[in-house]
Amino acid sequence: MDGAMRSQRARARLACRLQEEVPLRALPMNEIERALAAHPDVADAVMSVEESHDGRQFKVAFAAIHPDRLSAGKAKRLQAETDRRVTQWRRAFDQVYRHSPDSVAPSFVGWTSNFTNKPIPEAEMIDWLDCTIERIRALGARRILEVGCGVGLLVERLAPGCEVYCGTDLSPVAVHRLRAFAQSKAELRHVEFLEREATDLGGLSPQSFDAVVINSVVQYFPGIEYLHTVLEEAVKLVAPGGHIFVGDVRNLELLPVFHREVQSTKASAGATPASLERKILLSIAQERELVIDPQYFRAISESIPQISAAEIQLKRGSSYELTRYRYDAVLRVDPEAVSARGMSRGLAPQTEPWISEGRPLATDPMAAAFLQQLGMELSEALRGQFSEEQLPAAVIALSQRDFADMMPAPSIVPDDPAHQEQVEA
């Protein structure tokens, strides 16, 4: 957990700076930094020039964004970004499914390792699937709603033993393929497939399912608020004593460990410790998937009182990417607990269950998307003011907290064009 401890220490330093009203910088700004700092969204900027392992030099500019400007920009673009992200994932899934084998049978297409950028070994995928199926079957559900059924890995294994099985997915290609597959199997002809996004659960009868399954899907949600909306709708469909299974959740507590191991695996032989450390911090700051602290689920009954209990389960199986950094959350639904909890507590439910003790319980994909877009806009703005030789290879916009985390360490520079493309994505 050394990455997490280091991040905590850096944030403590930032808190001390803010409390003492000490500016984040001590050195005079150069022309590029002054130009960036003149932007109304930017609180501070630092330009760095460093040498990669093969002797190449790059200039990179880091910009700290005012917290109020970040909040305002994110709020202004939230709906547009949410719609864009849902559309983006729909297109990505459609492309993956269209380029999969001609057979409509479920497969492990699209599962790629963050460590190798290659397909995850089939033996690991089979082990992961077997353990997931076993865990869901243990719930004893005979009527299942699966949100985000994808290529049908769970459908094929779970639906034959169910009286009712309904799968939803935002990809029309996935839904079309699964309908064709189900019609070719007598044991699956009772399965219903609906093309819709996760928050759209309208038209389904209240308390008509024993379990709602949301497996390996939430990492693609636009934010924790979106997940919360899904869960608020899902509880209405679960019969008393039933469950919501939220599977394969990326663990925020292990995010520093995950990025440290990924970047260490990919690091070139000549990478310096300082360069590696900055890449790790930058990867965390630019995380575009939803990564959730288990505490969010443990406290969820405070804001969704129909959920009477939450159990966090470590992933089973051998040690590999899909088991080391993820967990399953099993939520028990009991509508009668609503009145009992209200009488015992006598307080209004917590309005922001994704915040605990002043710290977020999840990453913020929308903020990351906004910052990356802002970084590109800042870079473009510089092009009208400076020559090509003066310009940095990229402008990376960061929250003030992430900016403070990274600035004490020596600056990083992309080691290869592929990383530069990722920075500017």
Protein backbone atom coordinates (compact mmCIF):
# COMPACT_ATOMS: atom_id res chain seq x y z
CA MET A 1 0.00 0.00 0.00
CA ASP A 2 3.04 2.29 -0.33
CA GLY A 3 1.41 4.17 -3.23
CA ALA A 4 -1.66 4.99 -1.15
CA MET A 5 0.45 6.12 1.82
CA ARG A 6 2.56 8.33 -0.44
CA SER A 7 -0.56 9.90 -1.89
CA GLN A 8 -1.92 10.56 1.60
CA ARG A 9 1.32 12.25 2.64
CA ALA A 10 1.30 14.42 -0.47
CA ARG A 11 -2.27 15.49 0.21
CA ALA A 12 -1.35 16.27 3.79
CA ARG A 13 1.38 18.57 2.47
CA LEU A 14 -1.20 20.27 0.25
CA ALA A 15 -3.53 20.77 3.23
CA CYS A 16 -0.70 22.39 5.17
CA ARG A 17 0.08 24.68 2.24
CA LEU A 18 -3.52 25.77 1.92
CA GLN A 19 -3.87 26.28 5.66
CA GLU A 20 -0.73 28.39 5.79
CA GLU A 21 -1.69 30.16 2.54
CA VAL A 22 1.68 29.29 1.02
CA PRO A 23 1.62 29.45 -2.80
CA LEU A 24 2.15 26.20 -4.68
CA ARG A 25 5.16 27.60 -6.54
CA ALA A 26 8.30 29.35 -5.44
CA LEU A 27 10.07 29.92 -8.79
CA PRO A 28 9.21 32.66 -11.32
CA MET A 29 7.02 31.61 -14.23
CA ASN A 30 8.31 31.37 -17.78
CA GLU A 31 6.31 32.63 -20.77
CA ILE A 32 4.34 29.41 -21.31
CA GLU A 33 3.49 29.13 -17.63
CA ARG A 34 2.37 32.76 -17.50
CA ALA A 35 0.18 32.25 -20.56
CA LEU A 36 -1.47 29.23 -19.01
CA ALA A 37 -1.89 30.92 -15.62
CA ALA A 38 -3.66 33.82 -17.34
CA HIS A 39 -6.47 31.46 -18.34
CA PRO A 40 -9.46 31.93 -15.98
CA ASP A 41 -9.63 28.19 -15.24
CA VAL A 42 -5.95 27.84 -14.28
CA ALA A 43 -4.63 28.41 -10.75
CA ASP A 44 -1.01 27.47 -11.44
CA ALA A 45 1.15 25.97 -14.18
CA VAL A 46 4.52 24.28 -14.39
CA MET A 47 6.57 23.60 -17.52
CA SER A 48 8.99 20.68 -17.45
CA VAL A 49 11.70 19.52 -19.83
CA GLU A 50 13.06 16.05 -19.33
CA GLU A 51 15.03 13.37 -21.06
CA SER A 52 13.61 9.97 -21.92
CA HIS A 53 15.57 6.73 -21.61
CA ASP A 54 16.89 7.02 -25.18
CA GLY A 55 18.01 10.64 -24.85
CA ARG A 56 14.99 12.36 -26.40
CA GLN A 57 13.71 15.53 -24.75
CA PHE A 58 10.10 16.61 -24.36
CA LYS A 59 8.42 19.65 -22.92
CA VAL A 60 5.26 19.00 -20.90
CA ALA A 61 3.09 21.61 -19.18
CA PHE A 62 0.99 20.81 -16.09
CA ALA A 63 -1.91 23.13 -15.23
CA ALA A 64 -3.72 23.19 -11.87
CA ILE A 65 -7.41 24.00 -12.35
CA HIS A 66 -9.34 26.14 -9.85
CA PRO A 67 -11.68 23.87 -7.83
CA ASP A 68 -14.69 26.10 -8.47
CA ARG A 69 -13.95 26.25 -12.20
CA LEU A 70 -13.57 22.47 -12.29
CA SER A 71 -16.92 22.01 -10.54
CA ALA A 72 -18.64 24.53 -12.78
CA GLY A 73 -17.16 23.08 -15.96
CA LYS A 74 -18.04 19.55 -14.96
CA ALA A 75 -21.61 20.51 -13.99
CA LYS A 76 -22.13 22.43 -17.22
CA ARG A 77 -21.03 19.53 -19.36
CA LEU A 78 -22.20 16.67 -17.18
CA GLN A 79 -25.25 15.66 -19.19
CA ALA A 80 -23.50 16.14 -22.52
CA GLU A 81 -20.49 14.17 -21.28
CA THR A 82 -22.74 11.43 -19.88
CA ASP A 83 -24.59 11.10 -23.18
CA ARG A 84 -21.31 11.16 -25.08
CA ARG A 85 -19.78 8.50 -22.87
CA VAL A 86 -22.78 6.18 -23.15
CA THR A 87 -22.72 6.62 -26.93
CA GLN A 88 -18.95 6.04 -26.97
CA TRP A 89 -19.27 2.75 -25.11
CA ARG A 90 -22.17 1.66 -27.30
CA ARG A 91 -20.03 2.18 -30.39
CA ALA A 92 -17.03 0.46 -28.78
CA PHE A 93 -19.08 -2.58 -27.81
CA ASP A 94 -20.73 -2.74 -31.22
CA GLN A 95 -17.31 -2.67 -32.88
CA VAL A 96 -15.98 -5.42 -30.61
CA TYR A 97 -19.00 -7.65 -31.16
CA ARG A 98 -19.06 -7.09 -34.92
CA HIS A 99 -15.42 -8.17 -35.19
CA SER A 100 -15.84 -11.26 -33.03
CA PRO A 101 -16.14 -14.73 -34.59
CA ASP A 102 -19.12 -15.37 -36.84
CA SER A 103 -20.73 -17.62 -34.26
CA VAL A 104 -23.32 -15.88 -32.10
CA ALA A 105 -22.32 -18.02 -29.11
CA PRO A 106 -20.89 -16.13 -26.09
CA SER A 107 -17.10 -15.73 -26.07
CA PHE A 108 -14.37 -13.85 -24.23
CA VAL A 109 -13.99 -11.31 -27.03
CA GLY A 110 -12.93 -7.84 -25.88
CA TRP A 111 -11.25 -8.85 -22.60
CA THR A 112 -7.79 -7.26 -22.76
CA SER A 113 -5.07 -7.19 -20.13
CA ASN A 114 -3.89 -3.79 -18.87
CA PHE A 115 -0.46 -5.32 -18.33
CA THR A 116 0.16 -6.76 -21.80
CA ASN A 117 -2.47 -5.05 -24.00
CA LYS A 118 -3.23 -8.55 -25.24
CA PRO A 119 -6.27 -10.76 -24.67
CA ILE A 120 -6.45 -12.11 -21.13
CA PRO A 121 -5.45 -15.82 -21.17
CA GLU A 122 -8.50 -18.04 -21.67
CA ALA A 123 -7.66 -20.15 -18.60
CA GLU A 124 -7.93 -17.04 -16.41
CA MET A 125 -11.19 -16.00 -18.04
CA ILE A 126 -12.72 -19.46 -17.53
CA ASP A 127 -11.67 -19.45 -13.87
CA TRP A 128 -13.11 -15.94 -13.42
CA LEU A 129 -16.40 -16.94 -15.05
CA ASP A 130 -16.74 -20.20 -13.09
CA CYS A 131 -16.27 -18.38 -9.77
CA THR A 132 -18.76 -15.67 -10.75
CA ILE A 133 -21.40 -18.20 -11.78
CA GLU A 134 -20.94 -20.11 -8.52
CA ARG A 135 -21.34 -16.94 -6.47
CA ILE A 136 -24.56 -15.86 -8.25
CA ARG A 137 -26.07 -19.33 -8.07
CA ALA A 138 -25.50 -19.30 -4.32
CA LEU A 139 -28.15 -16.56 -4.10
CA GLY A 140 -30.80 -19.13 -5.07
CA ALA A 141 -32.52 -16.79 -7.54
CA ARG A 142 -35.00 -18.28 -10.00
CA ARG A 143 -35.97 -14.96 -11.61
CA ILE A 144 -33.00 -12.87 -12.73
CA LEU A 145 -32.64 -9.48 -14.38
CA GLU A 146 -29.14 -8.95 -15.78
CA VAL A 147 -28.20 -5.34 -16.48
CA GLY A 148 -25.50 -5.19 -19.16
CA CYS A 149 -25.64 -8.77 -20.44
CA GLY A 150 -22.99 -8.11 -23.10
CA VAL A 151 -21.97 -11.19 -25.07
CA GLY A 152 -24.06 -13.47 -22.86
CA LEU A 153 -21.44 -15.23 -20.73
CA LEU A 154 -23.79 -15.28 -17.72
CA VAL A 155 -26.93 -15.86 -19.78
CA GLU A 156 -25.59 -19.11 -21.22
CA ARG A 157 -24.77 -20.55 -17.79
CA LEU A 158 -27.49 -19.11 -15.53
CA ALA A 159 -30.63 -18.83 -17.66
CA PRO A 160 -31.26 -22.60 -18.16
CA GLY A 161 -31.83 -22.96 -14.40
CA CYS A 162 -34.15 -19.94 -14.15
CA GLU A 163 -37.89 -19.61 -14.54
CA VAL A 164 -37.47 -16.02 -15.75
CA TYR A 165 -34.37 -14.39 -17.18
CA CYS A 166 -34.24 -10.91 -18.70
CA GLY A 167 -31.09 -9.29 -20.05
CA THR A 168 -30.59 -5.65 -20.98
CA ASP A 169 -27.73 -4.05 -22.90
CA LEU A 170 -27.13 -0.71 -24.59
CA SER A 171 -25.53 -2.38 -27.64
CA PRO A 172 -28.05 -3.25 -30.38
CA VAL A 173 -25.48 -5.60 -31.90
CA ALA A 174 -25.15 -7.51 -28.60
CA VAL A 175 -28.92 -7.76 -28.18
CA HIS A 176 -29.42 -8.94 -31.78
CA ARG A 177 -26.71 -11.61 -31.45
CA LEU A 178 -28.04 -12.85 -28.12
CA ARG A 179 -31.58 -13.12 -29.41
CA ALA A 180 -30.33 -15.23 -32.31
CA PHE A 181 -28.25 -17.38 -29.96
CA ALA A 182 -31.13 -17.91 -27.50
CA GLN A 183 -33.49 -18.94 -30.28
CA SER A 184 -31.00 -21.63 -31.35
CA LYS A 185 -31.05 -23.21 -27.85
CA ALA A 186 -34.22 -24.77 -26.48
CA GLU A 187 -33.11 -24.14 -22.88
CA LEU A 188 -32.78 -20.38 -23.59
CA ARG A 189 -35.94 -19.61 -25.54
CA HIS A 190 -37.64 -18.19 -22.45
CA VAL A 191 -34.98 -15.47 -22.13
CA GLU A 192 -36.02 -11.90 -22.97
CA PHE A 193 -33.51 -9.31 -24.21
CA LEU A 194 -34.06 -5.54 -24.12
CA GLU A 195 -31.95 -2.86 -25.80
CA ARG A 196 -31.60 -0.06 -23.24
CA GLU A 197 -29.05 1.61 -21.02
CA ALA A 198 -28.62 0.71 -17.37
CA THR A 199 -30.78 3.46 -15.85
CA ASP A 200 -33.74 2.58 -18.08
CA LEU A 201 -35.58 -0.13 -16.15
CA GLY A 202 -39.07 1.18 -16.83
CA GLY A 203 -41.83 -1.18 -17.91
CA LEU A 204 -40.65 -4.04 -15.68
CA SER A 205 -43.02 -5.16 -12.93
CA PRO A 206 -42.12 -4.18 -9.34
CA GLN A 207 -40.72 -7.00 -7.17
CA SER A 208 -40.76 -9.37 -10.16
CA PHE A 209 -37.16 -10.63 -9.78
CA ASP A 210 -35.28 -12.52 -7.10
CA ALA A 211 -32.00 -10.93 -8.15
CA VAL A 212 -30.68 -8.11 -10.27
CA VAL A 213 -27.20 -8.89 -11.59
CA ILE A 214 -24.85 -6.08 -12.66
CA ASN A 215 -21.59 -7.87 -13.41
CA SER A 216 -18.41 -6.31 -14.77
CA VAL A 217 -20.38 -3.29 -15.97
CA VAL A 218 -20.14 -0.48 -13.40
CA GLN A 219 -16.55 0.42 -14.34
CA TYR A 220 -18.01 1.77 -17.59
CA PHE A 221 -20.64 3.96 -15.91
CA PRO A 222 -20.16 7.76 -16.23
CA GLY A 223 -19.95 8.22 -12.47
CA ILE A 224 -21.00 7.05 -9.03
CA GLU A 225 -24.20 9.12 -9.22
CA TYR A 226 -25.19 7.12 -12.30
CA LEU A 227 -24.62 3.84 -10.44
CA HIS A 228 -26.66 5.15 -7.53
CA THR A 229 -29.56 5.86 -9.88
CA VAL A 230 -29.33 2.33 -11.28
CA LEU A 231 -29.45 0.86 -7.77
CA GLU A 232 -32.39 3.07 -6.78
CA GLU A 233 -34.32 1.72 -9.77
CA ALA A 234 -33.15 -1.85 -9.26
CA VAL A 235 -34.42 -2.16 -5.68
CA LYS A 236 -37.95 -1.53 -6.93
CA LEU A 237 -37.78 -4.67 -9.06
CA VAL A 238 -36.44 -7.06 -6.41
CA ALA A 239 -38.81 -9.16 -4.32
CA PRO A 240 -38.43 -9.02 -0.51
CA GLY A 241 -35.43 -11.07 0.57
CA GLY A 242 -33.88 -10.87 -2.89
CA HIS A 243 -30.49 -9.48 -3.88
CA ILE A 244 -28.63 -7.10 -6.13
CA PHE A 245 -25.31 -8.57 -7.22
CA VAL A 246 -22.78 -5.93 -8.27
CA GLY A 247 -19.87 -7.94 -9.55
CA ASP A 248 -16.31 -7.30 -10.65
CA VAL A 249 -16.07 -3.84 -9.11
CA ARG A 250 -12.67 -2.15 -9.38
CA ASN A 251 -11.38 -1.34 -5.88
CA LEU A 252 -10.46 2.30 -5.19
CA GLU A 253 -8.39 1.26 -2.16
CA LEU A 254 -6.14 -0.73 -4.50
CA LEU A 255 -5.99 1.78 -7.37
CA PRO A 256 -2.47 3.05 -6.47
CA VAL A 257 -1.26 -0.55 -6.22
CA PHE A 258 -2.85 -1.44 -9.55
CA HIS A 259 -1.29 1.46 -11.45
CA ARG A 260 2.07 0.92 -9.77
CA GLU A 261 2.15 -2.70 -10.92
CA VAL A 262 0.94 -1.87 -14.44
CA GLN A 263 3.45 0.94 -14.94
CA SER A 264 6.28 -1.10 -13.40
CA THR A 265 5.53 -3.93 -15.82
CA LYS A 266 5.54 -1.59 -18.82
CA ALA A 267 8.51 0.56 -17.74
CA SER A 268 11.54 0.58 -19.99
CA ALA A 269 14.89 -0.63 -18.68
CA GLY A 270 16.20 2.95 -18.51
CA ALA A 271 13.23 4.43 -16.66
CA THR A 272 14.21 6.37 -13.54
CA PRO A 273 12.34 5.93 -10.24
CA ALA A 274 11.14 9.54 -10.45
CA SER A 275 9.85 9.03 -14.00
CA LEU A 276 8.03 5.87 -12.97
CA GLU A 277 6.52 7.56 -9.91
CA ARG A 278 5.13 10.40 -12.02
CA LYS A 279 3.62 7.98 -14.51
CA ILE A 280 1.86 6.18 -11.67
CA LEU A 281 0.45 9.41 -10.23
CA LEU A 282 -0.59 10.60 -13.68
CA SER A 283 -2.33 7.30 -14.44
CA ILE A 284 -4.33 7.62 -11.22
CA ALA A 285 -5.23 11.24 -11.91
CA GLN A 286 -6.38 10.42 -15.46
CA GLU A 287 -8.34 7.27 -14.56
CA ARG A 288 -11.31 7.19 -16.92
CA GLU A 289 -13.18 4.23 -15.43
CA LEU A 290 -15.39 4.18 -12.35
CA VAL A 291 -13.40 2.73 -9.44
CA ILE A 292 -15.27 2.40 -6.12
CA ASP A 293 -14.28 2.18 -2.47
CA PRO A 294 -16.09 -0.78 -0.80
CA GLN A 295 -17.23 1.67 1.89
CA TYR A 296 -19.76 3.07 -0.59
CA PHE A 297 -21.64 -0.24 -0.57
CA ARG A 298 -21.22 -0.77 3.17
CA ALA A 299 -23.01 2.53 3.84
CA ILE A 300 -25.53 2.37 1.02
CA SER A 301 -28.52 1.57 3.24
CA GLU A 302 -28.26 5.12 4.60
CA SER A 303 -29.37 6.51 1.23
CA ILE A 304 -31.25 3.51 -0.22
CA PRO A 305 -33.04 2.14 2.86
CA GLN A 306 -34.64 -0.74 0.92
CA ILE A 307 -31.17 -2.31 1.02
CA SER A 308 -30.94 -3.92 4.44
CA ALA A 309 -27.41 -5.36 4.22
CA ALA A 310 -24.32 -5.31 2.05
CA GLU A 311 -21.61 -7.95 1.89
CA ILE A 312 -18.26 -7.24 0.24
CA GLN A 313 -16.75 -10.43 -1.19
CA LEU A 314 -13.17 -10.76 -2.38
CA LYS A 315 -12.79 -12.32 -5.80
CA ARG A 316 -12.12 -16.03 -5.80
CA GLY A 317 -9.68 -17.93 -7.98
CA SER A 318 -6.00 -17.74 -8.75
CA SER A 319 -4.09 -14.46 -8.47
CA TYR A 320 -4.39 -12.51 -11.70
CA GLU A 321 -5.65 -9.13 -12.91
CA LEU A 322 -9.37 -9.92 -12.53
CA THR A 323 -9.02 -11.15 -8.95
CA ARG A 324 -6.29 -8.99 -7.39
CA TYR A 325 -7.90 -5.56 -7.69
CA ARG A 326 -11.65 -6.24 -7.75
CA TYR A 327 -14.49 -7.39 -5.51
CA ASP A 328 -18.18 -8.31 -5.59
CA ALA A 329 -20.89 -6.53 -3.59
CA VAL A 330 -24.01 -8.51 -2.62
CA LEU A 331 -26.86 -6.25 -1.52
CA ARG A 332 -29.89 -7.72 0.26
CA VAL A 333 -33.24 -6.06 -0.46
CA ASP A 334 -35.85 -5.81 2.29
CA PRO A 335 -38.56 -3.16 1.76
CA GLU A 336 -39.79 -3.61 5.33
CA ALA A 337 -36.45 -2.28 6.57
CA VAL A 338 -37.37 1.18 5.26
CA SER A 339 -39.87 2.02 8.00
CA ALA A 340 -37.88 0.24 10.72
CA ARG A 341 -34.70 2.10 9.85
CA GLY A 342 -36.53 5.41 9.58
CA MET A 343 -38.04 4.98 13.06
CA SER A 344 -34.74 3.99 14.66
CA ARG A 345 -32.65 6.70 13.01
CA GLY A 346 -35.08 9.58 12.87
CA LEU A 347 -32.73 11.45 10.54
CA ALA A 348 -32.83 12.29 6.85
CA PRO A 349 -30.81 9.93 4.62
CA GLN A 350 -27.33 11.03 3.65
CA THR A 351 -27.58 13.08 0.46
CA GLU A 352 -24.12 12.29 -0.88
CA PRO A 353 -23.31 8.63 -0.13
CA TRP A 354 -20.24 8.78 -2.37
CA ILE A 355 -18.45 11.14 0.06
CA SER A 356 -17.05 9.92 3.40
CA GLU A 357 -15.12 12.09 5.86
CA GLY A 358 -14.50 14.63 3.14
CA ARG A 359 -12.98 12.15 0.69
CA PRO A 360 -14.60 10.73 -2.45
CA LEU A 361 -15.51 7.04 -2.44
CA ALA A 362 -15.08 6.70 -6.19
CA THR A 363 -13.13 8.08 -9.10
CA ASP A 364 -14.79 10.79 -11.18
CA PRO A 365 -14.70 9.77 -14.86
CA MET A 366 -16.57 12.90 -15.92
CA ALA A 367 -14.04 15.18 -14.20
CA ALA A 368 -11.19 13.23 -15.82
CA ALA A 369 -12.87 13.61 -19.22
CA PHE A 370 -13.40 17.34 -18.65
CA LEU A 371 -9.78 17.86 -17.58
CA GLN A 372 -8.40 16.00 -20.56
CA GLN A 373 -10.59 18.04 -22.90
CA LEU A 374 -9.52 21.24 -21.15
CA GLY A 375 -5.87 20.22 -21.51
CA MET A 376 -6.32 19.93 -25.27
CA GLU A 377 -8.08 23.31 -25.39
CA LEU A 378 -5.25 24.93 -23.42
CA SER A 379 -2.70 23.35 -25.74
CA GLU A 380 -4.57 24.68 -28.76
CA ALA A 381 -4.75 28.15 -27.23
CA LEU A 382 -0.97 28.19 -26.83
CA ARG A 383 -0.53 27.47 -30.53
CA GLY A 384 -1.83 30.90 -31.38
CA GLN A 385 0.71 32.59 -29.10
CA PHE A 386 3.99 30.68 -29.45
CA SER A 387 6.16 29.10 -32.09
CA GLU A 388 6.23 25.33 -32.56
CA GLU A 389 9.66 25.16 -30.91
CA GLN A 390 8.37 26.81 -27.74
CA LEU A 391 5.26 24.69 -27.37
CA PRO A 392 5.06 21.76 -24.94
CA ALA A 393 4.26 18.35 -26.38
CA ALA A 394 1.12 18.35 -24.24
CA VAL A 395 -0.74 20.40 -21.65
CA ILE A 396 -2.04 18.20 -18.83
CA ALA A 397 -4.85 19.76 -16.82
CA LEU A 398 -5.15 18.47 -13.25
CA SER A 399 -7.15 19.16 -10.13
CA GLN A 400 -5.22 21.21 -7.59
CA ARG A 401 -4.97 18.14 -5.36
CA ASP A 402 -3.41 15.99 -8.10
CA PHE A 403 -1.20 18.89 -9.18
CA ALA A 404 0.15 19.17 -5.63
CA ASP A 405 0.69 15.40 -5.47
CA MET A 406 2.84 15.43 -8.61
CA MET A 407 4.78 18.65 -8.43
CA PRO A 408 7.13 17.70 -5.53
CA ALA A 409 8.59 14.91 -7.69
CA PRO A 410 10.78 15.53 -10.75
CA SER A 411 8.79 15.98 -13.92
CA ILE A 412 7.97 13.14 -16.23
CA VAL A 413 8.11 12.97 -19.99
CA PRO A 414 6.47 10.36 -22.20
CA ASP A 415 8.90 7.58 -23.03
CA ASP A 416 7.31 6.77 -26.36
CA PRO A 417 4.80 8.12 -28.89
CA ALA A 418 2.16 5.66 -27.68
CA HIS A 419 2.22 7.21 -24.21
CA GLN A 420 2.09 10.67 -25.73
CA GLU A 421 -1.08 9.67 -27.59
CA GLN A 422 -2.56 8.48 -24.28
CA VAL A 423 -1.71 11.78 -22.58
CA GLU A 424 -3.38 13.77 -25.31
CA ALA A 425 -6.39 11.43 -25.68
